[in-house]
């Protein structure tokens, strides 16, 4: 059985922070502005289990410039 993180958190009754998805950088900017900084950016790559080790989790992004830089680094990973 393969549980996505959000579903698994609910099943285990764990409290989690607000989570939103963005399909591109512009959408990421809008979502970050709406929920407020600091944010965490997590990339989704099919079959990639260890996101942190793969550089797909960026913590404590405090502004648009940091978000843009983290997003572009993640795009390089997925190419």
PDB file of N, CA and C in Angstrom:
ATOM      1  N   UNK A   1       0.840  -1.169   0.000  1.00  0.00           N
ATOM      2  CA  UNK A   1       0.000   0.000   0.000  1.00  0.00           C
ATOM      3  C   UNK A   1       0.890   1.240   0.000  1.00  0.00           C
ATOM      4  N   UNK A   2       0.669   2.136  -0.936  1.00  0.00           N
ATOM      5  CA  UNK A   2       1.474   3.341  -1.060  1.00  0.00           C
ATOM      6  C   UNK A   2       0.635   4.553  -0.668  1.00  0.00           C
ATOM      7  N   UNK A   3       0.956   5.173   0.455  1.00  0.00           N
ATOM      8  CA  UNK A   3       0.213   6.345   0.921  1.00  0.00           C
ATOM      9  C   UNK A   3       0.965   7.614   0.572  1.00  0.00           C
ATOM     10  N   UNK A   4       0.269   8.580   0.058  1.00  0.00           N
ATOM     11  CA  UNK A   4       0.873   9.895  -0.125  1.00  0.00           C
ATOM     12  C   UNK A   4       1.046  10.508   1.263  1.00  0.00           C
ATOM     13  N   UNK A   5       1.957  11.455   1.392  1.00  0.00           N
ATOM     14  CA  UNK A   5       2.273  12.021   2.697  1.00  0.00           C
ATOM     15  C   UNK A   5       1.062  12.595   3.405  1.00  0.00           C
ATOM     16  N   UNK A   6       0.259  13.364   2.693  1.00  0.00           N
ATOM     17  CA  UNK A   6      -0.899  14.010   3.311  1.00  0.00           C
ATOM     18  C   UNK A   6      -1.896  12.975   3.820  1.00  0.00           C
ATOM     19  N   UNK A   7      -2.168  11.959   3.023  1.00  0.00           N
ATOM     20  CA  UNK A   7      -3.097  10.910   3.421  1.00  0.00           C
ATOM     21  C   UNK A   7      -2.566  10.150   4.634  1.00  0.00           C
ATOM     22  N   UNK A   8      -1.275   9.865   4.616  1.00  0.00           N
ATOM     23  CA  UNK A   8      -0.667   9.164   5.737  1.00  0.00           C
ATOM     24  C   UNK A   8      -0.732   9.970   7.020  1.00  0.00           C
ATOM     25  N   UNK A   9      -0.552  11.283   6.917  1.00  0.00           N
ATOM     26  CA  UNK A   9      -0.634  12.148   8.097  1.00  0.00           C
ATOM     27  C   UNK A   9      -2.027  12.119   8.699  1.00  0.00           C
ATOM     28  N   UNK A  10      -3.039  12.150   7.834  1.00  0.00           N
ATOM     29  CA  UNK A  10      -4.419  12.089   8.326  1.00  0.00           C
ATOM     30  C   UNK A  10      -4.706  10.752   8.979  1.00  0.00           C
ATOM     31  N   UNK A  11      -4.258   9.684   8.345  1.00  0.00           N
ATOM     32  CA  UNK A  11      -4.479   8.344   8.869  1.00  0.00           C
ATOM     33  C   UNK A  11      -3.866   8.187  10.256  1.00  0.00           C
ATOM     34  N   UNK A  12      -2.698   8.766  10.444  1.00  0.00           N
ATOM     35  CA  UNK A  12      -1.998   8.678  11.730  1.00  0.00           C
ATOM     36  C   UNK A  12      -2.399   9.774  12.704  1.00  0.00           C
ATOM     37  N   UNK A  13      -3.326  10.635  12.289  1.00  0.00           N
ATOM     38  CA  UNK A  13      -3.828  11.735  13.118  1.00  0.00           C
ATOM     39  C   UNK A  13      -2.705  12.692  13.535  1.00  0.00           C
ATOM     40  N   UNK A  14      -1.829  13.028  12.580  1.00  0.00           N
ATOM     41  CA  UNK A  14      -0.737  13.968  12.825  1.00  0.00           C
ATOM     42  C   UNK A  14      -1.149  15.356  12.367  1.00  0.00           C
ATOM     43  N   UNK A  15      -0.758  16.367  13.121  1.00  0.00           N
ATOM     44  CA  UNK A  15      -1.014  17.749  12.715  1.00  0.00           C
ATOM     45  C   UNK A  15       0.054  18.167  11.716  1.00  0.00           C
ATOM     46  N   UNK A  16      -0.367  18.798  10.644  1.00  0.00           N
ATOM     47  CA  UNK A  16       0.566  19.264   9.617  1.00  0.00           C
ATOM     48  C   UNK A  16       0.245  20.707   9.262  1.00  0.00           C
ATOM     49  N   UNK A  17       1.198  21.374   8.649  1.00  0.00           N
ATOM     50  CA  UNK A  17       0.996  22.757   8.229  1.00  0.00           C
ATOM     51  C   UNK A  17       0.174  22.801   6.953  1.00  0.00           C
ATOM     52  N   UNK A  18      -0.304  23.990   6.606  1.00  0.00           N
ATOM     53  CA  UNK A  18      -1.071  24.159   5.375  1.00  0.00           C
ATOM     54  C   UNK A  18      -0.208  23.783   4.178  1.00  0.00           C
ATOM     55  N   UNK A  19      -0.802  23.041   3.274  1.00  0.00           N
ATOM     56  CA  UNK A  19      -0.090  22.562   2.097  1.00  0.00           C
ATOM     57  C   UNK A  19      -0.843  22.986   0.849  1.00  0.00           C
ATOM     58  N   UNK A  20      -0.115  23.563  -0.102  1.00  0.00           N
ATOM     59  CA  UNK A  20      -0.701  23.935  -1.391  1.00  0.00           C
ATOM     60  C   UNK A  20       0.235  23.449  -2.492  1.00  0.00           C
ATOM     61  N   UNK A  21      -0.318  23.225  -3.662  1.00  0.00           N
ATOM     62  CA  UNK A  21       0.478  22.765  -4.797  1.00  0.00           C
ATOM     63  C   UNK A  21       0.612  23.889  -5.822  1.00  0.00           C
ATOM     64  N   UNK A  22       1.749  23.906  -6.493  1.00  0.00           N
ATOM     65  CA  UNK A  22       1.988  24.876  -7.563  1.00  0.00           C
ATOM     66  C   UNK A  22       2.619  24.133  -8.735  1.00  0.00           C
ATOM     67  N   UNK A  23       2.154  24.424  -9.921  1.00  0.00           N
ATOM     68  CA  UNK A  23       2.652  23.735 -11.115  1.00  0.00           C
ATOM     69  C   UNK A  23       3.737  24.521 -11.854  1.00  0.00           C
ATOM     70  N   UNK A  24       3.954  25.777 -11.456  1.00  0.00           N
ATOM     71  CA  UNK A  24       4.994  26.586 -12.103  1.00  0.00           C
ATOM     72  C   UNK A  24       5.430  27.680 -11.132  1.00  0.00           C
ATOM     73  N   UNK A  25       6.448  28.420 -11.512  1.00  0.00           N
ATOM     74  CA  UNK A  25       7.020  29.425 -10.617  1.00  0.00           C
ATOM     75  C   UNK A  25       6.036  30.547 -10.309  1.00  0.00           C
ATOM     76  N   UNK A  26       5.302  31.019 -11.309  1.00  0.00           N
ATOM     77  CA  UNK A  26       4.324  32.083 -11.073  1.00  0.00           C
ATOM     78  C   UNK A  26       3.265  31.659 -10.070  1.00  0.00           C
ATOM     79  N   UNK A  27       2.811  30.433 -10.203  1.00  0.00           N
ATOM     80  CA  UNK A  27       1.815  29.905  -9.265  1.00  0.00           C
ATOM     81  C   UNK A  27       2.429  29.770  -7.867  1.00  0.00           C
ATOM     82  N   UNK A  28       3.683  29.371  -7.796  1.00  0.00           N
ATOM     83  CA  UNK A  28       4.370  29.267  -6.504  1.00  0.00           C
ATOM     84  C   UNK A  28       4.455  30.634  -5.828  1.00  0.00           C
ATOM     85  N   UNK A  29       4.752  31.687  -6.604  1.00  0.00           N
ATOM     86  CA  UNK A  29       4.795  33.044  -6.046  1.00  0.00           C
ATOM     87  C   UNK A  29       3.436  33.427  -5.458  1.00  0.00           C
ATOM     88  N   UNK A  30       2.374  33.188  -6.232  1.00  0.00           N
ATOM     89  CA  UNK A  30       1.027  33.557  -5.763  1.00  0.00           C
ATOM     90  C   UNK A  30       0.638  32.794  -4.512  1.00  0.00           C
ATOM     91  N   UNK A  31       0.931  31.501  -4.489  1.00  0.00           N
ATOM     92  CA  UNK A  31       0.576  30.686  -3.314  1.00  0.00           C
ATOM     93  C   UNK A  31       1.364  31.124  -2.075  1.00  0.00           C
ATOM     94  N   UNK A  32       2.646  31.413  -2.266  1.00  0.00           N
ATOM     95  CA  UNK A  32       3.476  31.845  -1.138  1.00  0.00           C
ATOM     96  C   UNK A  32       2.980  33.173  -0.584  1.00  0.00           C
ATOM     97  N   UNK A  33       2.604  34.077  -1.477  1.00  0.00           N
ATOM     98  CA  UNK A  33       2.088  35.378  -1.031  1.00  0.00           C
ATOM     99  C   UNK A  33       0.804  35.191  -0.226  1.00  0.00           C
ATOM    100  N   UNK A  34      -0.045  34.265  -0.673  1.00  0.00           N
ATOM    101  CA  UNK A  34      -1.321  34.031  -0.004  1.00  0.00           C
ATOM    102  C   UNK A  34      -1.145  33.410   1.385  1.00  0.00           C
ATOM    103  N   UNK A  35      -0.272  32.402   1.507  1.00  0.00           N
ATOM    104  CA  UNK A  35      -0.121  31.740   2.808  1.00  0.00           C
ATOM    105  C   UNK A  35       0.895  32.450   3.694  1.00  0.00           C
ATOM    106  N   UNK A  36       1.786  33.229   3.095  1.00  0.00           N
ATOM    107  CA  UNK A  36       2.773  33.985   3.870  1.00  0.00           C
ATOM    108  C   UNK A  36       4.088  33.250   4.053  1.00  0.00           C
ATOM    109  N   UNK A  37       5.142  34.035   4.145  1.00  0.00           N
ATOM    110  CA  UNK A  37       6.489  33.512   4.388  1.00  0.00           C
ATOM    111  C   UNK A  37       6.719  33.423   5.882  1.00  0.00           C
ATOM    112  N   UNK A  38       7.654  32.585   6.326  1.00  0.00           N
ATOM    113  CA  UNK A  38       8.506  31.686   5.559  1.00  0.00           C
ATOM    114  C   UNK A  38       7.723  30.463   5.078  1.00  0.00           C
ATOM    115  N   UNK A  39       8.246  29.851   4.016  1.00  0.00           N
ATOM    116  CA  UNK A  39       7.605  28.660   3.456  1.00  0.00           C
ATOM    117  C   UNK A  39       8.626  27.539   3.292  1.00  0.00           C
ATOM    118  N   UNK A  40       8.106  26.362   3.014  1.00  0.00           N
ATOM    119  CA  UNK A  40       8.914  25.203   2.644  1.00  0.00           C
ATOM    120  C   UNK A  40       8.524  24.841   1.219  1.00  0.00           C
ATOM    121  N   UNK A  41       9.508  24.580   0.393  1.00  0.00           N
ATOM    122  CA  UNK A  41       9.260  24.155  -0.977  1.00  0.00           C
ATOM    123  C   UNK A  41       9.670  22.689  -1.090  1.00  0.00           C
ATOM    124  N   UNK A  42       8.750  21.857  -1.555  1.00  0.00           N
ATOM    125  CA  UNK A  42       9.025  20.433  -1.689  1.00  0.00           C
ATOM    126  C   UNK A  42       8.708  20.005  -3.115  1.00  0.00           C
ATOM    127  N   UNK A  43       9.702  19.487  -3.794  1.00  0.00           N
ATOM    128  CA  UNK A  43       9.507  19.001  -5.153  1.00  0.00           C
ATOM    129  C   UNK A  43       8.893  17.612  -5.153  1.00  0.00           C
ATOM    130  N   UNK A  44       8.141  17.325  -6.197  1.00  0.00           N
ATOM    131  CA  UNK A  44       7.531  16.007  -6.337  1.00  0.00           C
ATOM    132  C   UNK A  44       8.085  15.376  -7.602  1.00  0.00           C
ATOM    133  N   UNK A  45       8.816  14.295  -7.433  1.00  0.00           N
ATOM    134  CA  UNK A  45       9.371  13.549  -8.546  1.00  0.00           C
ATOM    135  C   UNK A  45       8.912  12.108  -8.378  1.00  0.00           C
ATOM    136  N   UNK A  46       8.232  11.590  -9.373  1.00  0.00           N
ATOM    137  CA  UNK A  46       7.702  10.232  -9.323  1.00  0.00           C
ATOM    138  C   UNK A  46       8.805   9.236  -8.977  1.00  0.00           C
ATOM    139  N   UNK A  47       8.554   8.418  -7.981  1.00  0.00           N
ATOM    140  CA  UNK A  47       9.504   7.388  -7.583  1.00  0.00           C
ATOM    141  C   UNK A  47      10.595   7.864  -6.638  1.00  0.00           C
ATOM    142  N   UNK A  48      10.672   9.161  -6.369  1.00  0.00           N
ATOM    143  CA  UNK A  48      11.708   9.697  -5.474  1.00  0.00           C
ATOM    144  C   UNK A  48      11.185   9.675  -4.046  1.00  0.00           C
ATOM    145  N   UNK A  49      11.726   8.795  -3.228  1.00  0.00           N
ATOM    146  CA  UNK A  49      11.264   8.643  -1.856  1.00  0.00           C
ATOM    147  C   UNK A  49      12.013   9.579  -0.920  1.00  0.00           C
ATOM    148  N   UNK A  50      13.313   9.662  -1.058  1.00  0.00           N
ATOM    149  CA  UNK A  50      14.149  10.445  -0.148  1.00  0.00           C
ATOM    150  C   UNK A  50      14.340  11.857  -0.692  1.00  0.00           C
ATOM    151  N   UNK A  51      13.334  12.691  -0.497  1.00  0.00           N
ATOM    152  CA  UNK A  51      13.331  14.033  -1.079  1.00  0.00           C
ATOM    153  C   UNK A  51      14.431  14.924  -0.519  1.00  0.00           C
ATOM    154  N   UNK A  52      14.655  14.877   0.761  1.00  0.00           N
ATOM    155  CA  UNK A  52      15.664  15.737   1.382  1.00  0.00           C
ATOM    156  C   UNK A  52      17.049  15.421   0.829  1.00  0.00           C
ATOM    157  N   UNK A  53      17.391  14.139   0.779  1.00  0.00           N
ATOM    158  CA  UNK A  53      18.702  13.738   0.290  1.00  0.00           C
ATOM    159  C   UNK A  53      18.892  14.105  -1.180  1.00  0.00           C
ATOM    160  N   UNK A  54      17.802  14.167  -1.922  1.00  0.00           N
ATOM    161  CA  UNK A  54      17.866  14.488  -3.352  1.00  0.00           C
ATOM    162  C   UNK A  54      17.814  15.988  -3.610  1.00  0.00           C
ATOM    163  N   UNK A  55      17.759  16.802  -2.559  1.00  0.00           N
ATOM    164  CA  UNK A  55      17.707  18.250  -2.735  1.00  0.00           C
ATOM    165  C   UNK A  55      16.333  18.764  -3.115  1.00  0.00           C
ATOM    166  N   UNK A  56      15.294  17.984  -2.818  1.00  0.00           N
ATOM    167  CA  UNK A  56      13.933  18.366  -3.194  1.00  0.00           C
ATOM    168  C   UNK A  56      13.135  18.989  -2.058  1.00  0.00           C
ATOM    169  N   UNK A  57      13.798  19.333  -0.961  1.00  0.00           N
ATOM    170  CA  UNK A  57      13.131  20.024   0.143  1.00  0.00           C
ATOM    171  C   UNK A  57      13.975  21.234   0.519  1.00  0.00           C
ATOM    172  N   UNK A  58      13.367  22.395   0.448  1.00  0.00           N
ATOM    173  CA  UNK A  58      14.050  23.647   0.821  1.00  0.00           C
ATOM    174  C   UNK A  58      13.251  24.294   1.945  1.00  0.00           C
ATOM    175  N   UNK A  59      13.905  24.516   3.059  1.00  0.00           N
ATOM    176  CA  UNK A  59      13.250  25.025   4.265  1.00  0.00           C
ATOM    177  C   UNK A  59      13.482  26.516   4.459  1.00  0.00           C
ATOM    178  N   UNK A  60      12.544  27.136   5.179  1.00  0.00           N
ATOM    179  CA  UNK A  60      12.713  28.495   5.672  1.00  0.00           C
ATOM    180  C   UNK A  60      12.967  29.520   4.558  1.00  0.00           C
ATOM    181  N   UNK A  61      12.246  29.391   3.456  1.00  0.00           N
ATOM    182  CA  UNK A  61      12.356  30.379   2.385  1.00  0.00           C
ATOM    183  C   UNK A  61      11.592  31.620   2.820  1.00  0.00           C
ATOM    184  N   UNK A  62      12.271  32.747   2.896  1.00  0.00           N
ATOM    185  CA  UNK A  62      11.702  33.944   3.519  1.00  0.00           C
ATOM    186  C   UNK A  62      11.250  35.029   2.547  1.00  0.00           C
ATOM    187  N   UNK A  63      11.521  34.847   1.245  1.00  0.00           N
ATOM    188  CA  UNK A  63      11.120  35.888   0.295  1.00  0.00           C
ATOM    189  C   UNK A  63      11.083  35.336  -1.126  1.00  0.00           C
ATOM    190  N   UNK A  64      10.649  36.183  -2.053  1.00  0.00           N
ATOM    191  CA  UNK A  64      10.493  35.788  -3.455  1.00  0.00           C
ATOM    192  C   UNK A  64      11.824  35.343  -4.058  1.00  0.00           C
ATOM    193  N   UNK A  65      12.901  36.045  -3.757  1.00  0.00           N
ATOM    194  CA  UNK A  65      14.202  35.691  -4.332  1.00  0.00           C
ATOM    195  C   UNK A  65      14.653  34.301  -3.886  1.00  0.00           C
ATOM    196  N   UNK A  66      14.459  33.980  -2.613  1.00  0.00           N
ATOM    197  CA  UNK A  66      14.829  32.656  -2.116  1.00  0.00           C
ATOM    198  C   UNK A  66      13.942  31.575  -2.740  1.00  0.00           C
ATOM    199  N   UNK A  67      12.667  31.870  -2.896  1.00  0.00           N
ATOM    200  CA  UNK A  67      11.744  30.927  -3.524  1.00  0.00           C
ATOM    201  C   UNK A  67      12.165  30.665  -4.971  1.00  0.00           C
ATOM    202  N   UNK A  68      12.472  31.725  -5.710  1.00  0.00           N
ATOM    203  CA  UNK A  68      12.877  31.595  -7.113  1.00  0.00           C
ATOM    204  C   UNK A  68      14.149  30.755  -7.234  1.00  0.00           C
ATOM    205  N   UNK A  69      15.128  31.018  -6.402  1.00  0.00           N
ATOM    206  CA  UNK A  69      16.387  30.279  -6.438  1.00  0.00           C
ATOM    207  C   UNK A  69      16.167  28.796  -6.124  1.00  0.00           C
ATOM    208  N   UNK A  70      15.400  28.501  -5.090  1.00  0.00           N
ATOM    209  CA  UNK A  70      15.126  27.111  -4.703  1.00  0.00           C
ATOM    210  C   UNK A  70      14.362  26.385  -5.802  1.00  0.00           C
ATOM    211  N   UNK A  71      13.386  27.049  -6.391  1.00  0.00           N
ATOM    212  CA  UNK A  71      12.577  26.453  -7.450  1.00  0.00           C
ATOM    213  C   UNK A  71      13.458  26.090  -8.650  1.00  0.00           C
ATOM    214  N   UNK A  72      14.328  26.986  -9.042  1.00  0.00           N
ATOM    215  CA  UNK A  72      15.196  26.742 -10.208  1.00  0.00           C
ATOM    216  C   UNK A  72      16.185  25.606  -9.942  1.00  0.00           C
ATOM    217  N   UNK A  73      16.691  25.512  -8.717  1.00  0.00           N
ATOM    218  CA  UNK A  73      17.586  24.395  -8.368  1.00  0.00           C
ATOM    219  C   UNK A  73      16.843  23.067  -8.467  1.00  0.00           C
ATOM    220  N   UNK A  74      15.594  23.060  -8.039  1.00  0.00           N
ATOM    221  CA  UNK A  74      14.814  21.826  -8.125  1.00  0.00           C
ATOM    222  C   UNK A  74      14.527  21.437  -9.568  1.00  0.00           C
ATOM    223  N   UNK A  75      14.304  22.407 -10.418  1.00  0.00           N
ATOM    224  CA  UNK A  75      14.069  22.105 -11.838  1.00  0.00           C
ATOM    225  C   UNK A  75      15.278  21.417 -12.454  1.00  0.00           C
ATOM    226  N   UNK A  76      16.458  21.841 -12.065  1.00  0.00           N
ATOM    227  CA  UNK A  76      17.685  21.201 -12.585  1.00  0.00           C
ATOM    228  C   UNK A  76      17.744  19.741 -12.182  1.00  0.00           C
ATOM    229  N   UNK A  77      17.268  19.420 -10.979  1.00  0.00           N
ATOM    230  CA  UNK A  77      17.268  18.026 -10.523  1.00  0.00           C
ATOM    231  C   UNK A  77      16.369  17.163 -11.397  1.00  0.00           C
ATOM    232  N   UNK A  78      15.227  17.705 -11.766  1.00  0.00           N
ATOM    233  CA  UNK A  78      14.231  16.906 -12.474  1.00  0.00           C
ATOM    234  C   UNK A  78      14.530  16.747 -13.963  1.00  0.00           C
ATOM    235  N   UNK A  79      15.516  17.457 -14.482  1.00  0.00           N
ATOM    236  CA  UNK A  79      15.830  17.375 -15.930  1.00  0.00           C
ATOM    237  C   UNK A  79      16.641  16.148 -16.249  1.00  0.00           C
TER     238      UNK A  79
END
